[in-house]
Amino acid sequence: MNREKQKELERGHREGSGGKRILPGLVLAAFAAALVTYAVLINLEKNILSAYEKADCWVLAETLEKGTELTADNIGSLFRQEQVDVRHIPQGAVTDLQMLVGNQAAITIPSGSMATHTMFRDGRERLAALDRPVIAGCRAEDLYQLASGTLRGGDRIHIYTVDEELGQAYLVWEDVTVYQAFDSSGNLIPSQDTLSAAARINVLLEEGDAGLFYSELYKGSLRVVKLWE
């Protein structure tokens, strides 16, 4: 009887030892399977991310006010290059920044906007439209109702002359480009400055119109209307 109990105890001991040996093996196998699964998921994520084609685009580094002229000196600081998903790049996006030199902002463009060609207009087009362009300057006080002094380079205006006796105004120059605006100290007012009052402006005219412009200016009969864009 004692021998049978002894044999049963020995048999249970052997079986228990075998179970203890199996348990670490199962843990190792589960750990290896987890590593394989993790590697597969990482590779899958990389494949998904690489499926989206990237491309460079030009983005506004700061808000660009309407009428701001882009020059070789300022264009590098006004834009930055970013790499984005090609699906997010709008049609007509600017690919060569140098193509914008000489252009002006057609609208106020918020910082962070992707630059497209429709946001800008060629400031040289109006100059090319004049056969013999000249720059005519005048004091703001010589132009009655000078749009509250808010004219800036790049603005477009109509210039009228007024017949005081008849009380009639006549459109003399249509769609004239304001070339530059200056403050009372003679400093050039940048287009993005919306606070400084223009004390003097320069406009682009045909050479043959300069005489009439200054004649009417001397009489104090010129009036200015700023075009809304």
Protein backbone atom coordinates (compact mmCIF):
# COMPACT_ATOMS: atom_id res chain seq x y z
CA MET A 1 0.00 0.00 0.00
CA ASN A 2 2.78 2.39 0.90
CA ARG A 3 4.64 1.48 -2.28
CA GLU A 4 1.63 2.38 -4.42
CA LYS A 5 1.27 5.77 -2.76
CA GLN A 6 4.98 6.37 -3.20
CA LYS A 7 4.73 5.56 -6.92
CA GLU A 8 1.75 7.95 -7.32
CA LEU A 9 3.66 10.74 -5.61
CA GLU A 10 6.69 10.20 -7.84
CA ARG A 11 4.47 10.15 -10.94
CA GLY A 12 2.78 13.48 -9.93
CA HIS A 13 6.16 15.05 -9.28
CA ARG A 14 7.40 14.08 -12.75
CA GLU A 15 4.24 15.41 -14.42
CA GLY A 16 4.47 18.70 -12.50
CA SER A 17 8.08 19.17 -13.51
CA GLY A 18 7.15 18.63 -17.14
CA GLY A 19 4.44 21.31 -16.92
CA LYS A 20 6.90 23.80 -15.49
CA ARG A 21 9.27 23.11 -18.39
CA ILE A 22 6.47 23.67 -20.98
CA LEU A 23 5.34 27.05 -19.55
CA PRO A 24 8.53 29.07 -20.42
CA GLY A 25 8.40 27.65 -23.93
CA LEU A 26 4.87 28.93 -24.43
CA VAL A 27 5.87 32.39 -23.18
CA LEU A 28 8.81 32.53 -25.59
CA ALA A 29 6.63 31.44 -28.50
CA ALA A 30 4.01 34.11 -27.71
CA PHE A 31 6.72 36.78 -27.45
CA ALA A 32 8.19 35.77 -30.80
CA ALA A 33 4.73 35.90 -32.41
CA ALA A 34 4.18 39.39 -30.98
CA LEU A 35 7.49 40.59 -32.45
CA VAL A 36 6.58 39.22 -35.87
CA THR A 37 3.16 40.89 -35.73
CA TYR A 38 4.75 44.23 -34.73
CA ALA A 39 7.24 44.05 -37.58
CA VAL A 40 4.45 43.31 -40.06
CA LEU A 41 2.39 46.29 -38.82
CA ILE A 42 5.38 48.66 -39.01
CA ASN A 43 6.11 47.54 -42.57
CA LEU A 44 2.45 47.95 -43.50
CA GLU A 45 2.40 51.49 -42.10
CA LYS A 46 5.51 52.39 -44.09
CA ASN A 47 3.93 51.07 -47.26
CA ILE A 48 0.74 53.07 -46.67
CA LEU A 49 2.66 56.29 -46.02
CA SER A 50 4.86 55.82 -49.09
CA ALA A 51 1.76 55.33 -51.23
CA TYR A 52 1.01 59.07 -50.91
CA GLU A 53 3.22 60.91 -53.37
CA LYS A 54 4.84 64.07 -52.00
CA ALA A 55 5.80 67.22 -53.87
CA ASP A 56 7.24 70.64 -53.03
CA CYS A 57 5.03 73.72 -53.00
CA TRP A 58 5.45 77.39 -52.09
CA VAL A 59 3.57 78.70 -49.05
CA LEU A 60 3.17 82.29 -47.79
CA ALA A 61 5.48 82.83 -44.81
CA GLU A 62 3.41 85.86 -43.74
CA THR A 63 0.18 87.57 -44.69
CA LEU A 64 0.61 89.37 -48.01
CA GLU A 65 -1.46 92.51 -48.41
CA LYS A 66 -3.16 93.25 -51.69
CA GLY A 67 -0.97 95.27 -54.04
CA THR A 68 2.33 94.16 -52.46
CA GLU A 69 4.98 94.04 -55.17
CA LEU A 70 7.23 91.01 -55.32
CA THR A 71 10.85 91.87 -55.96
CA ALA A 72 14.10 89.92 -56.12
CA ASP A 73 14.94 91.38 -52.69
CA ASN A 74 11.77 90.48 -50.76
CA ILE A 75 10.47 87.35 -52.46
CA GLY A 76 12.76 85.01 -50.53
CA SER A 77 11.43 86.16 -47.16
CA LEU A 78 7.76 86.17 -48.15
CA PHE A 79 7.58 82.48 -49.09
CA ARG A 80 8.77 79.16 -47.74
CA GLN A 81 8.89 75.75 -49.41
CA GLU A 82 7.00 72.80 -47.96
CA GLN A 83 6.54 69.17 -48.99
CA VAL A 84 2.90 68.04 -49.04
CA ASP A 85 0.67 65.31 -50.41
CA VAL A 86 0.22 65.98 -54.14
CA ARG A 87 -3.53 65.55 -53.72
CA HIS A 88 -3.60 68.72 -51.61
CA ILE A 89 -1.74 70.93 -54.10
CA PRO A 90 -4.23 73.21 -55.94
CA GLN A 91 -4.31 73.63 -59.69
CA GLY A 92 -2.11 76.47 -60.90
CA ALA A 93 0.22 76.24 -57.90
CA VAL A 94 3.46 78.20 -58.21
CA THR A 95 6.40 75.89 -58.97
CA ASP A 96 9.05 78.47 -59.83
CA LEU A 97 9.14 81.35 -57.36
CA GLN A 98 11.24 83.53 -59.66
CA MET A 99 8.32 83.70 -62.10
CA LEU A 100 6.51 85.92 -59.58
CA VAL A 101 9.19 88.62 -59.51
CA GLY A 102 7.57 91.85 -60.77
CA ASN A 103 4.06 90.67 -59.88
CA GLN A 104 1.71 92.13 -57.31
CA ALA A 105 -0.70 90.44 -54.91
CA ALA A 106 -4.14 90.62 -56.51
CA ILE A 107 -5.81 89.97 -53.15
CA THR A 108 -4.80 89.86 -49.50
CA ILE A 109 -3.31 86.38 -49.03
CA PRO A 110 -3.25 84.87 -45.51
CA SER A 111 -0.08 83.38 -44.08
CA GLY A 112 0.22 79.64 -44.74
CA SER A 113 -1.68 79.73 -48.04
CA MET A 114 -0.30 77.72 -50.95
CA ALA A 115 0.71 80.18 -53.66
CA THR A 116 -1.14 79.96 -56.98
CA HIS A 117 -0.73 82.13 -60.06
CA THR A 118 -4.31 83.44 -59.79
CA MET A 119 -3.38 85.19 -56.52
CA PHE A 120 -1.03 87.54 -58.38
CA ARG A 121 -1.13 89.91 -61.32
CA ASP A 122 1.69 91.07 -63.51
CA GLY A 123 2.48 94.62 -62.46
CA ARG A 124 4.34 95.13 -65.73
CA GLU A 125 1.25 94.62 -67.91
CA ARG A 126 -0.15 98.11 -67.28
CA LEU A 127 3.24 99.67 -67.90
CA ALA A 128 3.53 97.78 -71.19
CA ALA A 129 0.05 99.01 -72.20
CA LEU A 130 1.36 102.60 -72.28
CA ASP A 131 3.24 103.63 -75.42
CA ARG A 132 5.41 106.27 -73.70
CA PRO A 133 4.82 105.91 -69.96
CA VAL A 134 5.84 108.65 -67.56
CA ILE A 135 5.55 109.02 -63.81
CA ALA A 136 3.48 112.01 -62.76
CA GLY A 137 3.55 113.05 -59.11
CA CYS A 138 1.31 115.22 -56.98
CA ARG A 139 0.59 116.12 -53.38
CA ALA A 140 -2.39 114.48 -51.76
CA GLU A 141 -3.79 117.87 -50.81
CA ASP A 142 -3.86 118.83 -54.50
CA LEU A 143 -6.27 115.98 -55.25
CA TYR A 144 -9.62 116.64 -53.65
CA GLN A 145 -11.01 113.64 -51.77
CA LEU A 146 -7.94 111.46 -52.18
CA ALA A 147 -9.70 108.32 -50.94
CA SER A 148 -8.95 109.34 -47.33
CA GLY A 149 -5.21 109.10 -48.02
CA THR A 150 -5.32 105.32 -48.33
CA LEU A 151 -3.91 105.00 -51.84
CA ARG A 152 -0.99 102.62 -52.20
CA GLY A 153 1.32 101.48 -54.97
CA GLY A 154 -0.57 99.07 -57.19
CA ASP A 155 -3.98 100.66 -56.64
CA ARG A 156 -6.05 101.65 -59.66
CA ILE A 157 -7.94 104.92 -59.87
CA HIS A 158 -10.16 107.00 -62.15
CA ILE A 159 -9.22 110.68 -62.42
CA TYR A 160 -11.98 113.22 -63.05
CA THR A 161 -11.88 116.92 -63.78
CA VAL A 162 -14.65 119.13 -62.43
CA ASP A 163 -16.17 122.15 -64.15
CA GLU A 164 -17.05 124.35 -61.19
CA GLU A 165 -19.27 126.67 -63.24
CA LEU A 166 -21.40 123.87 -64.65
CA GLY A 167 -21.09 121.65 -61.61
CA GLN A 168 -20.17 118.71 -63.84
CA ALA A 169 -17.43 116.10 -63.45
CA TYR A 170 -15.81 114.46 -66.46
CA LEU A 171 -13.77 111.25 -66.54
CA VAL A 172 -10.41 112.15 -68.08
CA TRP A 173 -8.14 109.21 -67.21
CA GLU A 174 -9.59 105.78 -66.64
CA ASP A 175 -7.97 102.87 -64.81
CA VAL A 176 -4.76 104.70 -63.91
CA THR A 177 -2.14 102.81 -61.90
CA VAL A 178 -0.78 104.34 -58.70
CA TYR A 179 2.94 103.70 -58.98
CA GLN A 180 4.08 104.82 -55.52
CA ALA A 181 2.75 106.47 -52.36
CA PHE A 182 4.80 108.46 -49.84
CA ASP A 183 4.15 109.71 -46.31
CA SER A 184 4.70 113.28 -45.06
CA SER A 185 8.39 112.53 -44.41
CA GLY A 186 8.95 111.39 -47.97
CA ASN A 187 9.21 107.72 -47.07
CA LEU A 188 7.78 105.15 -49.46
CA ILE A 189 4.65 103.56 -47.96
CA PRO A 190 4.61 99.77 -48.47
CA SER A 191 1.41 98.24 -49.77
CA GLN A 192 0.90 96.26 -46.56
CA ASP A 193 0.81 99.47 -44.48
CA THR A 194 -2.89 100.23 -44.02
CA LEU A 195 -2.48 103.02 -41.46
CA SER A 196 -0.10 105.65 -42.84
CA ALA A 197 -1.72 108.51 -44.75
CA ALA A 198 -0.39 109.18 -48.24
CA ALA A 199 0.94 112.73 -48.52
CA ARG A 200 2.16 112.32 -52.09
CA ILE A 201 1.49 109.84 -54.91
CA ASN A 202 3.03 109.01 -58.26
CA VAL A 203 0.85 107.71 -61.10
CA LEU A 204 1.61 106.22 -64.53
CA LEU A 205 0.39 108.27 -67.49
CA GLU A 206 1.03 108.57 -71.19
CA GLU A 207 3.71 111.17 -71.89
CA GLY A 208 1.24 113.25 -73.93
CA ASP A 209 -1.18 113.46 -70.98
CA ALA A 210 1.29 114.88 -68.49
CA GLY A 211 0.74 118.50 -69.58
CA LEU A 212 -3.03 118.31 -69.15
CA PHE A 213 -2.65 116.51 -65.83
CA TYR A 214 -0.51 119.27 -64.31
CA SER A 215 -2.66 122.00 -65.85
CA GLU A 216 -5.82 120.60 -64.22
CA LEU A 217 -3.90 119.90 -61.05
CA TYR A 218 -2.86 123.57 -60.86
CA LYS A 219 -6.48 124.64 -61.19
CA GLY A 220 -7.46 122.28 -58.37
CA SER A 221 -10.11 120.60 -60.50
CA LEU A 222 -8.94 116.98 -60.31
CA ARG A 223 -10.85 114.36 -58.33
CA VAL A 224 -9.84 110.75 -57.69
CA VAL A 225 -11.97 107.62 -57.36
CA LYS A 226 -10.31 104.42 -56.18
CA LEU A 227 -11.43 101.24 -57.94
CA TRP A 228 -12.74 98.48 -55.71
CA GLU A 229 -11.22 95.05 -56.44
